[in-house]
Amino acid sequence: MYSIRLSFSKTGESLTGRSKWWGAPDLPADSPYPVVHCVEDGDEWDEPLTFLCQIRCGDIAALDPDNLLPHAGMLYFFAAVDYFMGMDCPLFTPMGQWPDELVRIMYSPSCDGLEPYEMTWDKTGESVFLPAEKLDFESCGECEEGFKLLGRPYLTEINEIYDDGYVSVLQLDENDDWGLRFYDCGMLCLLMRRSQLVGRDWESAFGYLHSF
């Protein structure tokens, strides 16, 4: 199996409709933003998941010869990572396998007519989304460290739990520029069975966090 390495770069260009990390997701007009329903001390609310990235699938088609991912349209990744960036977060994000609602993969079969989703802080009116960074892609080995699509997790501890019938659809490493750190030293993988990935069963995705 192979992986696709992700690299990031700051840019002043508009990344609307393009592959990007952070920023606001460019969603179809009828697509709801993924949230987790929270209940605490008698209060109820919907907590938005953090938008990680969107992948314009045509950008990675040549690097995915087995067609594990779509080769057209837009793929979106969300996960509850605010706590690991030093932000307030009411969601409990445990070590090991996460509850299903803490990660979400979404897909739009078309890149036409997509617009940045608007979400602002109540007090300031400023966007809640971090500045978008341009994404570039290159082929790499199946168990590489760093940020990548596909292949197997870099950490042996995760591979020992999930056999080669599973694919690490997206692997998140730590990044000092963003203040992203998974406890002392760790990684978060968004996993799916290979058969579910090929069948585009995005609802089956789940997260697994391992830290030393």
Protein backbone atom coordinates (compact mmCIF):
# COMPACT_ATOMS: atom_id res chain seq x y z
CA MET A 1 0.00 0.00 0.00
CA TYR A 2 1.06 3.61 -0.50
CA SER A 3 0.46 6.94 1.21
CA ILE A 4 0.18 10.54 0.05
CA ARG A 5 2.21 13.04 2.03
CA LEU A 6 0.66 16.41 2.83
CA SER A 7 2.72 19.60 3.00
CA PHE A 8 1.48 23.08 3.92
CA SER A 9 2.39 26.60 2.89
CA LYS A 10 1.01 30.01 3.75
CA THR A 11 -0.31 31.97 0.79
CA GLY A 12 -2.14 35.17 0.00
CA GLU A 13 -4.03 33.44 -2.81
CA SER A 14 -7.69 32.59 -2.52
CA LEU A 15 -8.08 28.90 -1.73
CA THR A 16 -11.83 28.74 -2.26
CA GLY A 17 -12.63 25.56 -4.15
CA ARG A 18 -9.06 24.30 -3.80
CA SER A 19 -7.25 21.86 -1.56
CA LYS A 20 -6.42 23.51 1.77
CA TRP A 21 -5.67 22.92 5.44
CA TRP A 22 -7.63 25.02 7.94
CA GLY A 23 -9.67 27.92 6.65
CA ALA A 24 -13.42 27.55 6.14
CA PRO A 25 -14.77 24.48 4.34
CA ASP A 26 -16.26 25.20 0.92
CA LEU A 27 -19.49 23.25 1.26
CA PRO A 28 -22.50 22.72 -0.99
CA ALA A 29 -25.30 25.12 -0.11
CA ASP A 30 -27.52 22.37 1.34
CA SER A 31 -24.78 20.68 3.39
CA PRO A 32 -25.02 21.04 7.20
CA TYR A 33 -21.87 21.69 9.21
CA PRO A 34 -20.99 18.65 11.38
CA VAL A 35 -21.63 19.10 15.11
CA VAL A 36 -21.70 17.04 18.31
CA HIS A 37 -24.79 17.38 20.51
CA CYS A 38 -23.68 18.17 24.06
CA VAL A 39 -25.57 18.00 27.35
CA GLU A 40 -24.04 19.38 30.55
CA ASP A 41 -25.62 20.58 33.81
CA GLY A 42 -29.03 20.83 32.19
CA ASP A 43 -27.78 22.80 29.18
CA GLU A 44 -27.88 21.44 25.63
CA TRP A 45 -26.08 22.73 22.57
CA ASP A 46 -24.45 21.64 19.32
CA GLU A 47 -20.64 21.89 19.38
CA PRO A 48 -19.06 22.30 15.91
CA LEU A 49 -16.23 19.96 15.00
CA THR A 50 -12.96 21.56 13.93
CA PHE A 51 -12.49 21.72 10.18
CA LEU A 52 -9.13 20.18 9.31
CA CYS A 53 -8.87 20.17 5.55
CA GLN A 54 -10.52 19.72 2.21
CA ILE A 55 -8.99 17.74 -0.63
CA ARG A 56 -9.88 18.51 -4.25
CA CYS A 57 -9.80 14.91 -5.33
CA GLY A 58 -8.45 15.62 -8.79
CA ASP A 59 -5.26 16.86 -7.11
CA ILE A 60 -4.45 13.42 -5.73
CA ALA A 61 -5.78 11.16 -8.50
CA ALA A 62 -2.36 10.46 -10.02
CA LEU A 63 -1.02 9.47 -6.57
CA ASP A 64 -3.86 7.03 -5.87
CA PRO A 65 -3.58 4.29 -8.52
CA ASP A 66 -5.94 1.92 -6.67
CA ASN A 67 -8.72 4.53 -6.57
CA LEU A 68 -9.08 4.19 -2.80
CA LEU A 69 -10.28 7.80 -2.68
CA PRO A 70 -12.58 9.53 -5.19
CA HIS A 71 -10.77 11.14 -8.12
CA ALA A 72 -13.33 13.91 -8.61
CA GLY A 73 -15.23 16.16 -6.25
CA MET A 74 -14.20 17.43 -2.80
CA LEU A 75 -13.38 15.46 0.33
CA TYR A 76 -13.66 17.09 3.80
CA PHE A 77 -12.20 16.10 7.17
CA PHE A 78 -13.39 17.28 10.61
CA ALA A 79 -12.25 16.24 14.10
CA ALA A 80 -12.41 17.46 17.70
CA VAL A 81 -8.81 18.71 18.01
CA ASP A 82 -9.36 22.09 19.71
CA TYR A 83 -8.07 20.83 23.07
CA PHE A 84 -4.80 19.77 21.47
CA MET A 85 -4.27 23.31 20.17
CA GLY A 86 -4.71 24.88 23.59
CA MET A 87 -8.31 25.98 23.03
CA ASP A 88 -11.32 25.53 25.26
CA CYS A 89 -13.24 22.42 24.23
CA PRO A 90 -16.15 20.76 26.05
CA LEU A 91 -15.69 17.49 24.14
CA PHE A 92 -13.89 14.62 25.86
CA THR A 93 -11.21 13.29 23.51
CA PRO A 94 -9.81 10.09 25.06
CA MET A 95 -6.71 8.10 24.32
CA GLY A 96 -7.45 5.13 22.08
CA GLN A 97 -10.51 4.85 19.86
CA TRP A 98 -12.73 7.91 19.85
CA PRO A 99 -16.52 7.92 19.90
CA ASP A 100 -17.73 8.03 16.29
CA GLU A 101 -19.17 11.55 16.58
CA LEU A 102 -15.75 13.12 17.24
CA VAL A 103 -14.61 12.72 13.62
CA ARG A 104 -16.42 13.20 10.35
CA ILE A 105 -15.51 12.69 6.71
CA MET A 106 -17.79 14.31 4.13
CA TYR A 107 -17.78 14.22 0.36
CA SER A 108 -19.21 16.35 -2.43
CA PRO A 109 -19.19 14.71 -5.89
CA SER A 110 -18.82 18.13 -7.53
CA CYS A 111 -16.56 21.12 -6.90
CA ASP A 112 -18.96 23.50 -8.66
CA GLY A 113 -20.79 26.16 -6.70
CA LEU A 114 -18.99 25.56 -3.42
CA GLU A 115 -18.80 28.53 -1.05
CA PRO A 116 -16.88 29.04 2.22
CA TYR A 117 -19.06 28.21 5.22
CA GLU A 118 -19.53 31.23 7.49
CA MET A 119 -19.21 30.83 11.26
CA THR A 120 -18.22 33.69 13.59
CA TRP A 121 -17.56 34.24 17.27
CA ASP A 122 -20.57 35.78 19.01
CA LYS A 123 -18.62 38.48 20.86
CA THR A 124 -16.31 39.70 18.10
CA GLY A 125 -18.02 38.72 14.86
CA GLU A 126 -14.70 37.33 13.62
CA SER A 127 -14.42 34.05 11.77
CA VAL A 128 -13.86 30.99 13.99
CA PHE A 129 -11.70 29.38 11.31
CA LEU A 130 -7.91 29.49 11.31
CA PRO A 131 -6.10 31.02 8.30
CA ALA A 132 -6.12 28.60 5.38
CA GLU A 133 -2.87 27.07 4.15
CA LYS A 134 -2.22 25.66 0.71
CA LEU A 135 -1.88 21.89 0.43
CA ASP A 136 0.58 20.07 -1.79
CA PHE A 137 0.87 16.33 -2.28
CA GLU A 138 3.57 13.74 -3.01
CA SER A 139 3.81 9.97 -2.89
CA CYS A 140 5.37 8.31 0.16
CA GLY A 141 5.63 4.89 1.83
CA GLU A 142 2.64 3.32 3.53
CA CYS A 143 3.85 3.80 7.15
CA GLU A 144 5.50 7.21 6.95
CA GLU A 145 5.36 9.69 9.82
CA GLY A 146 3.89 13.18 9.41
CA PHE A 147 0.62 14.27 7.86
CA LYS A 148 -0.63 11.97 5.13
CA LEU A 149 -3.54 10.36 3.35
CA LEU A 150 -3.97 6.58 3.01
CA GLY A 151 -1.54 3.84 3.92
CA ARG A 152 -1.06 2.49 7.42
CA PRO A 153 -0.53 4.41 10.68
CA TYR A 154 3.08 5.32 11.44
CA LEU A 155 2.79 4.14 15.05
CA THR A 156 3.26 0.41 15.60
CA GLU A 157 0.91 0.56 18.59
CA ILE A 158 -2.02 1.44 16.31
CA ASN A 159 -1.09 -1.14 13.67
CA GLU A 160 -1.07 -3.85 16.33
CA ILE A 161 -4.74 -3.11 17.10
CA TYR A 162 -6.02 -2.61 13.54
CA ASP A 163 -4.79 -5.10 10.95
CA ASP A 164 -4.05 -4.39 7.30
CA GLY A 165 -7.77 -4.54 6.53
CA TYR A 166 -7.86 -0.97 7.83
CA VAL A 167 -6.62 2.19 6.10
CA SER A 168 -5.43 5.36 7.80
CA VAL A 169 -7.45 7.71 5.62
CA LEU A 170 -5.89 10.77 7.29
CA GLN A 171 -2.98 10.86 9.75
CA LEU A 172 -2.34 13.94 11.91
CA ASP A 173 1.08 14.51 13.43
CA GLU A 174 2.12 17.34 15.75
CA ASN A 175 2.90 20.81 14.40
CA ASP A 176 4.63 23.52 16.45
CA ASP A 177 3.56 26.31 14.07
CA TRP A 178 -0.07 25.62 14.95
CA GLY A 179 0.53 24.66 18.58
CA LEU A 180 -0.88 21.22 17.75
CA ARG A 181 0.34 18.60 20.22
CA PHE A 182 -1.25 15.30 21.20
CA TYR A 183 -0.28 15.20 24.89
CA ASP A 184 3.47 14.51 25.26
CA CYS A 185 4.02 13.06 21.79
CA GLY A 186 1.36 11.41 19.69
CA MET A 187 -0.68 11.09 16.52
CA LEU A 188 -4.34 11.00 15.57
CA CYS A 189 -5.45 8.69 12.75
CA LEU A 190 -8.85 8.69 11.03
CA LEU A 191 -9.39 5.05 10.15
CA MET A 192 -11.74 3.02 7.96
CA ARG A 193 -11.88 -0.56 6.84
CA ARG A 194 -10.54 -0.82 3.30
CA SER A 195 -13.85 -2.30 2.11
CA GLN A 196 -15.78 0.61 3.64
CA LEU A 197 -13.41 3.12 2.05
CA VAL A 198 -13.79 1.55 -1.38
CA GLY A 199 -17.57 1.53 -0.82
CA ARG A 200 -17.47 5.27 0.13
CA ASP A 201 -19.09 4.53 3.49
CA TRP A 202 -17.84 7.78 5.06
CA GLU A 203 -20.02 7.37 8.15
CA SER A 204 -17.87 4.40 9.20
CA ALA A 205 -14.77 6.55 9.83
CA PHE A 206 -13.47 6.79 13.39
CA GLY A 207 -10.49 8.32 15.17
CA TYR A 208 -7.71 6.68 17.16
CA LEU A 209 -5.35 8.71 19.34
CA HIS A 210 -2.08 7.30 20.61
CA SER A 211 0.43 9.27 22.69
CA PHE A 212 3.53 8.27 24.63
